[in-house]
């Protein structure tokens, strides 16, 4: 396994080892991320104590500037954190592509940003100048921060979690970004299409839904509901970044959903995931597809 770790050359947030892609037999339960000066080891089943000690020693040898190492036990309820080196902390600032984001540890399973979407955020920052942007399932608004940095004229963030949107505001403030052109709507997307339309039309739409949230989202069932509304939201020629995270639904599923529910969308290309996100079986990882409406 140690031979397959991508040792960081700088302090940009990045995945170092992607065991969950099942490309490294015996380590399917391990991911390792770098959030300078912290290394996060995510475990999806218990790990041997001796092996974990060896991993910590290897990390400290190859990344001497890593002052904190923590393991998250995702196989346990609430995903508790165990500190393996350095002082415990609940919050720190990470850097990605010249932008800053808050990372939170110990408050919930997810930490505030998804590293597999780094190329999607880069694309958005490069393509958003002067655009009106709709960010569906905004979470902590990392896409919104990237769009703002790229010069978007208006950004509308939609998420039913007001706590996530509050974290999104803090991410904007962390980058000293003016919030006058940013809107935060803490609503259920499927019950608020009228409010979403009110802020439009949009020149650029990002849709990065969770696969499943009890009582809220089942994306296999619900993606079509969103796609059918896109003609109401989009200006002619609008670009769409449509994402799918389910390991059980492949790129073909998303393409078929678009063809059925929004046939006026033309496929442009797929945004590749960062190289470290190797998947043993094609289609299991993040799918991020670019379309143009009209």
Protein backbone atom coordinates (compact mmCIF):
# COMPACT_ATOMS: atom_id res chain seq x y z
CA UNK A 1 0.00 0.00 0.00
CA UNK A 2 2.75 2.46 0.97
CA UNK A 3 4.10 2.36 -2.59
CA UNK A 4 0.76 3.67 -3.87
CA UNK A 5 0.46 6.72 -1.62
CA UNK A 6 0.65 9.99 -3.59
CA UNK A 7 2.99 12.01 -1.38
CA UNK A 8 2.11 15.73 -1.53
CA UNK A 9 4.45 18.20 -3.19
CA UNK A 10 2.68 21.22 -1.69
CA UNK A 11 0.05 22.17 0.87
CA UNK A 12 -2.96 22.01 -1.46
CA UNK A 13 -5.75 19.78 -0.12
CA UNK A 14 -5.66 16.44 -1.89
CA UNK A 15 -6.28 12.73 -1.56
CA UNK A 16 -3.13 10.72 -0.98
CA UNK A 17 -4.56 7.20 -1.15
CA UNK A 18 -7.92 6.05 -2.50
CA UNK A 19 -8.54 2.56 -1.21
CA UNK A 20 -12.31 2.85 -1.67
CA UNK A 21 -11.80 2.52 -5.40
CA UNK A 22 -10.98 -1.17 -4.82
CA UNK A 23 -7.87 -0.88 -6.98
CA UNK A 24 -5.58 -1.99 -4.12
CA UNK A 25 -6.74 -5.38 -2.75
CA UNK A 26 -6.77 -5.56 1.01
CA UNK A 27 -7.02 -1.80 1.46
CA UNK A 28 -10.55 -1.15 0.24
CA UNK A 29 -11.38 0.22 3.70
CA UNK A 30 -8.76 3.01 3.71
CA UNK A 31 -8.65 6.56 2.34
CA UNK A 32 -5.94 9.07 3.24
CA UNK A 33 -6.30 12.84 2.74
CA UNK A 34 -3.89 15.76 3.17
CA UNK A 35 -5.16 18.99 4.68
CA UNK A 36 -1.92 20.72 5.59
CA UNK A 37 -0.74 20.41 8.31
CA UNK A 38 -3.17 17.52 9.02
CA UNK A 39 -3.45 14.01 7.59
CA UNK A 40 -6.88 12.38 7.79
CA UNK A 41 -7.08 8.58 7.61
CA UNK A 42 -10.63 7.39 6.97
CA UNK A 43 -11.36 3.79 7.95
CA UNK A 44 -14.46 1.93 6.80
CA UNK A 45 -13.70 -1.13 8.93
CA UNK A 46 -11.41 -1.71 11.92
CA UNK A 47 -7.68 -1.62 11.24
CA UNK A 48 -4.92 -3.62 12.91
CA UNK A 49 -3.21 -1.47 15.55
CA UNK A 50 0.32 -2.43 14.47
CA UNK A 51 -0.45 -1.63 10.83
CA UNK A 52 -1.93 1.72 11.86
CA UNK A 53 1.22 2.54 13.86
CA UNK A 54 3.34 1.67 10.82
CA UNK A 55 1.16 3.90 8.63
CA UNK A 56 1.54 6.83 11.02
CA UNK A 57 5.33 6.34 11.07
CA UNK A 58 5.40 6.27 7.25
CA UNK A 59 3.28 9.40 7.00
CA UNK A 60 5.51 11.28 9.44
CA UNK A 61 8.63 10.17 7.56
CA UNK A 62 7.38 11.26 4.13
CA UNK A 63 5.46 14.38 5.24
CA UNK A 64 7.56 15.98 8.01
CA UNK A 65 5.36 19.09 7.94
CA UNK A 66 2.34 16.97 8.97
CA UNK A 67 1.93 17.99 12.60
CA UNK A 68 -1.42 16.24 13.14
CA UNK A 69 -2.67 12.79 12.12
CA UNK A 70 -6.21 11.64 12.86
CA UNK A 71 -8.27 8.57 11.98
CA UNK A 72 -12.01 8.65 11.43
CA UNK A 73 -13.84 5.40 12.22
CA UNK A 74 -16.58 5.56 9.61
CA UNK A 75 -17.67 2.01 10.47
CA UNK A 76 -18.97 3.25 13.84
CA UNK A 77 -22.06 5.35 14.49
CA UNK A 78 -21.38 9.08 13.93
CA UNK A 79 -17.88 8.30 12.59
CA UNK A 80 -15.80 9.21 15.68
CA UNK A 81 -12.26 10.63 15.32
CA UNK A 82 -9.19 9.16 17.04
CA UNK A 83 -6.09 11.36 17.26
CA UNK A 84 -2.89 9.51 16.44
CA UNK A 85 -0.38 12.38 16.44
CA UNK A 86 -0.46 16.04 17.41
CA UNK A 87 -3.03 18.08 19.30
CA UNK A 88 -6.72 17.52 18.64
CA UNK A 89 -8.63 20.24 16.82
CA UNK A 90 -12.18 20.58 15.55
CA UNK A 91 -11.59 23.15 12.84
CA UNK A 92 -8.87 24.19 10.43
CA UNK A 93 -8.50 25.98 7.11
CA UNK A 94 -7.57 24.04 3.99
CA UNK A 95 -6.32 25.45 0.69
CA UNK A 96 -7.31 24.40 -2.82
CA UNK A 97 -6.51 26.18 -6.08
CA UNK A 98 -5.87 29.50 -4.37
CA UNK A 99 -9.07 29.37 -2.28
CA UNK A 100 -9.69 28.55 1.37
CA UNK A 101 -12.35 26.40 3.01
CA UNK A 102 -13.17 25.45 6.57
CA UNK A 103 -12.62 21.80 7.50
CA UNK A 104 -14.59 20.51 10.48
CA UNK A 105 -13.68 17.39 12.46
CA UNK A 106 -15.78 15.53 14.98
CA UNK A 107 -19.09 17.32 14.37
CA UNK A 108 -20.46 15.09 11.60
CA UNK A 109 -19.29 12.34 9.26
CA UNK A 110 -18.38 14.61 6.35
CA UNK A 111 -15.71 17.25 6.85
CA UNK A 112 -17.00 20.08 4.63
CA UNK A 113 -15.50 19.45 1.19
CA UNK A 114 -15.29 16.54 -1.26
CA UNK A 115 -11.84 16.21 -2.83
CA UNK A 116 -12.98 14.18 -5.83
CA UNK A 117 -14.78 17.31 -7.10
CA UNK A 118 -11.61 19.43 -7.26
CA UNK A 119 -11.59 19.45 -11.07
CA UNK A 120 -15.24 20.46 -11.15
CA UNK A 121 -14.52 23.44 -8.90
CA UNK A 122 -11.57 24.38 -11.12
CA UNK A 123 -13.79 24.25 -14.23
CA UNK A 124 -16.43 26.41 -12.57
CA UNK A 125 -13.92 29.02 -11.47
CA UNK A 126 -12.58 29.22 -15.03
CA UNK A 127 -16.01 29.46 -16.71
CA UNK A 128 -18.19 31.57 -14.41
CA UNK A 129 -17.15 35.15 -15.26
CA UNK A 130 -20.26 37.28 -15.66
CA UNK A 131 -22.54 34.23 -15.30
CA UNK A 132 -25.63 33.75 -13.15
CA UNK A 133 -24.97 30.49 -11.30
CA UNK A 134 -27.41 28.05 -9.68
CA UNK A 135 -25.83 25.68 -7.15
CA UNK A 136 -28.21 22.84 -6.27
CA UNK A 137 -27.50 20.70 -3.18
CA UNK A 138 -24.97 23.36 -2.22
CA UNK A 139 -23.76 21.76 1.05
CA UNK A 140 -21.04 24.14 2.35
CA UNK A 141 -21.01 26.14 -0.91
CA UNK A 142 -17.55 25.19 -2.19
CA UNK A 143 -18.87 25.57 -5.75
CA UNK A 144 -20.22 28.99 -4.83
CA UNK A 145 -16.83 30.11 -3.52
CA UNK A 146 -15.19 28.93 -6.76
CA UNK A 147 -17.83 30.70 -8.91
CA UNK A 148 -17.40 33.92 -6.94
CA UNK A 149 -13.63 33.75 -7.39
CA UNK A 150 -14.23 33.27 -11.11
CA UNK A 151 -16.29 36.46 -11.36
CA UNK A 152 -19.88 35.17 -11.37
CA UNK A 153 -22.41 38.01 -11.38
CA UNK A 154 -24.93 36.14 -9.19
CA UNK A 155 -24.86 32.85 -7.30
CA UNK A 156 -27.90 31.09 -5.82
CA UNK A 157 -27.20 28.28 -3.34
CA UNK A 158 -29.98 25.80 -2.60
CA UNK A 159 -29.80 23.28 0.25
CA UNK A 160 -32.31 22.14 2.85
CA UNK A 161 -29.62 22.24 5.58
CA UNK A 162 -29.43 25.75 6.99
CA UNK A 163 -26.38 24.70 9.01
CA UNK A 164 -24.55 23.76 5.80
CA UNK A 165 -25.47 27.09 4.22
CA UNK A 166 -24.21 28.91 7.32
CA UNK A 167 -20.91 27.09 6.83
CA UNK A 168 -21.06 28.23 3.21
CA UNK A 169 -21.33 31.85 4.28
CA UNK A 170 -18.29 31.34 6.46
CA UNK A 171 -16.37 29.88 3.51
CA UNK A 172 -17.15 33.00 1.47
CA UNK A 173 -16.08 35.25 4.35
CA UNK A 174 -12.89 33.24 4.76
CA UNK A 175 -11.98 34.31 1.22
CA UNK A 176 -13.05 37.93 1.82
CA UNK A 177 -15.77 37.58 -0.82
CA UNK A 178 -18.59 40.09 -0.98
CA UNK A 179 -21.93 38.36 -0.25
CA UNK A 180 -24.04 40.96 -2.07
CA UNK A 181 -24.21 38.76 -5.15
CA UNK A 182 -24.68 35.47 -3.26
CA UNK A 183 -28.08 34.08 -2.23
CA UNK A 184 -28.62 31.27 0.26
CA UNK A 185 -31.96 29.43 0.22
CA UNK A 186 -32.45 26.82 2.95
CA UNK A 187 -35.29 24.91 1.31
CA UNK A 188 -36.20 21.45 0.04
CA UNK A 189 -35.40 21.56 -3.67
CA UNK A 190 -38.29 19.29 -4.61
CA UNK A 191 -40.79 21.54 -2.84
CA UNK A 192 -39.32 24.87 -3.94
CA UNK A 193 -38.97 24.86 -7.72
CA UNK A 194 -40.91 28.11 -7.87
CA UNK A 195 -38.48 29.89 -5.58
CA UNK A 196 -35.52 28.58 -7.57
CA UNK A 197 -37.07 29.85 -10.80
CA UNK A 198 -37.71 33.26 -9.22
CA UNK A 199 -33.98 33.96 -8.95
CA UNK A 200 -33.28 32.90 -12.56
CA UNK A 201 -32.76 32.46 -15.37
CA UNK A 202 -29.31 30.95 -14.95
CA UNK A 203 -26.36 30.76 -17.32
CA UNK A 204 -24.66 27.98 -15.41
CA UNK A 205 -26.19 25.22 -13.25
CA UNK A 206 -24.38 22.85 -10.90
CA UNK A 207 -26.30 19.83 -9.63
CA UNK A 208 -24.33 17.61 -7.23
CA UNK A 209 -26.97 15.64 -5.30
CA UNK A 210 -26.47 13.07 -2.56
CA UNK A 211 -27.30 9.52 -3.55
CA UNK A 212 -29.75 9.04 -0.69
CA UNK A 213 -31.03 11.02 2.26
CA UNK A 214 -33.82 9.47 4.29
CA UNK A 215 -37.10 11.30 3.72
CA UNK A 216 -35.50 13.69 1.24
CA UNK A 217 -33.53 12.30 -1.70
CA UNK A 218 -33.37 9.03 -3.57
CA UNK A 219 -31.45 10.13 -6.62
CA UNK A 220 -32.32 7.09 -8.75
CA UNK A 221 -35.95 8.09 -8.34
CA UNK A 222 -35.55 11.87 -8.15
CA UNK A 223 -32.95 12.99 -10.71
CA UNK A 224 -35.59 13.16 -13.42
CA UNK A 225 -37.67 15.58 -11.34
CA UNK A 226 -34.79 18.05 -11.40
CA UNK A 227 -33.95 17.56 -15.06
CA UNK A 228 -37.55 18.19 -16.14
CA UNK A 229 -37.36 21.65 -14.52
CA UNK A 230 -34.16 22.77 -16.21
CA UNK A 231 -35.92 24.48 -19.17
CA UNK A 232 -37.66 26.74 -16.61
CA UNK A 233 -34.35 27.64 -14.97
CA UNK A 234 -31.88 27.98 -17.84
CA UNK A 235 -31.12 30.76 -20.27
CA UNK A 236 -30.43 29.68 -23.90
CA UNK A 237 -26.96 28.19 -24.14
CA UNK A 238 -26.66 27.63 -20.39
CA UNK A 239 -23.98 25.19 -19.27
CA UNK A 240 -24.79 22.43 -16.80
CA UNK A 241 -22.49 20.42 -14.57
CA UNK A 242 -24.51 17.33 -13.67
CA UNK A 243 -22.98 15.01 -11.08
CA UNK A 244 -23.70 11.52 -9.81
CA UNK A 245 -22.00 9.94 -6.81
CA UNK A 246 -23.76 6.58 -6.52
CA UNK A 247 -21.44 3.57 -6.96
CA UNK A 248 -24.46 1.58 -8.15
CA UNK A 249 -25.48 3.98 -10.94
CA UNK A 250 -23.12 4.54 -13.85
CA UNK A 251 -22.64 7.34 -16.35
CA UNK A 252 -25.13 5.71 -18.72
CA UNK A 253 -27.89 6.13 -16.13
CA UNK A 254 -27.32 9.87 -15.97
CA UNK A 255 -27.10 10.21 -19.75
CA UNK A 256 -30.37 8.30 -20.14
CA UNK A 257 -32.05 10.48 -17.53
CA UNK A 258 -31.00 13.64 -19.37
CA UNK A 259 -32.12 12.24 -22.73
CA UNK A 260 -35.53 11.35 -21.31
CA UNK A 261 -36.26 14.35 -19.12
CA UNK A 262 -34.37 17.21 -20.78
CA UNK A 263 -33.72 16.26 -24.43
CA UNK A 264 -32.73 19.84 -25.31
CA UNK A 265 -29.48 19.33 -23.39
CA UNK A 266 -26.46 18.40 -25.50
CA UNK A 267 -23.61 16.44 -23.95
CA UNK A 268 -20.25 18.26 -24.08
CA UNK A 269 -17.76 16.15 -22.14
CA UNK A 270 -16.97 14.46 -18.88
CA UNK A 271 -14.81 16.19 -16.27
CA UNK A 272 -12.23 13.65 -15.16
CA UNK A 273 -11.67 12.99 -11.49
CA UNK A 274 -8.21 13.71 -10.01
CA UNK A 275 -5.75 10.96 -10.98
CA UNK A 276 -5.49 9.57 -7.46
CA UNK A 277 -9.17 8.52 -7.53
CA UNK A 278 -8.45 5.23 -9.28
CA UNK A 279 -11.42 2.87 -9.63
CA UNK A 280 -10.98 -0.86 -10.22
CA UNK A 281 -14.37 -0.95 -11.96
CA UNK A 282 -15.31 1.84 -14.34
CA UNK A 283 -18.34 3.90 -13.35
CA UNK A 284 -18.14 3.33 -9.60
CA UNK A 285 -16.69 6.72 -8.68
CA UNK A 286 -17.91 10.27 -9.16
CA UNK A 287 -19.47 11.06 -12.53
CA UNK A 288 -19.35 14.75 -13.54
CA UNK A 289 -20.84 15.48 -16.97
CA UNK A 290 -21.00 18.80 -18.80
CA UNK A 291 -24.06 19.67 -20.90
CA UNK A 292 -25.31 22.70 -22.79
CA UNK A 293 -28.99 23.61 -22.81
CA UNK A 294 -30.65 24.70 -26.06
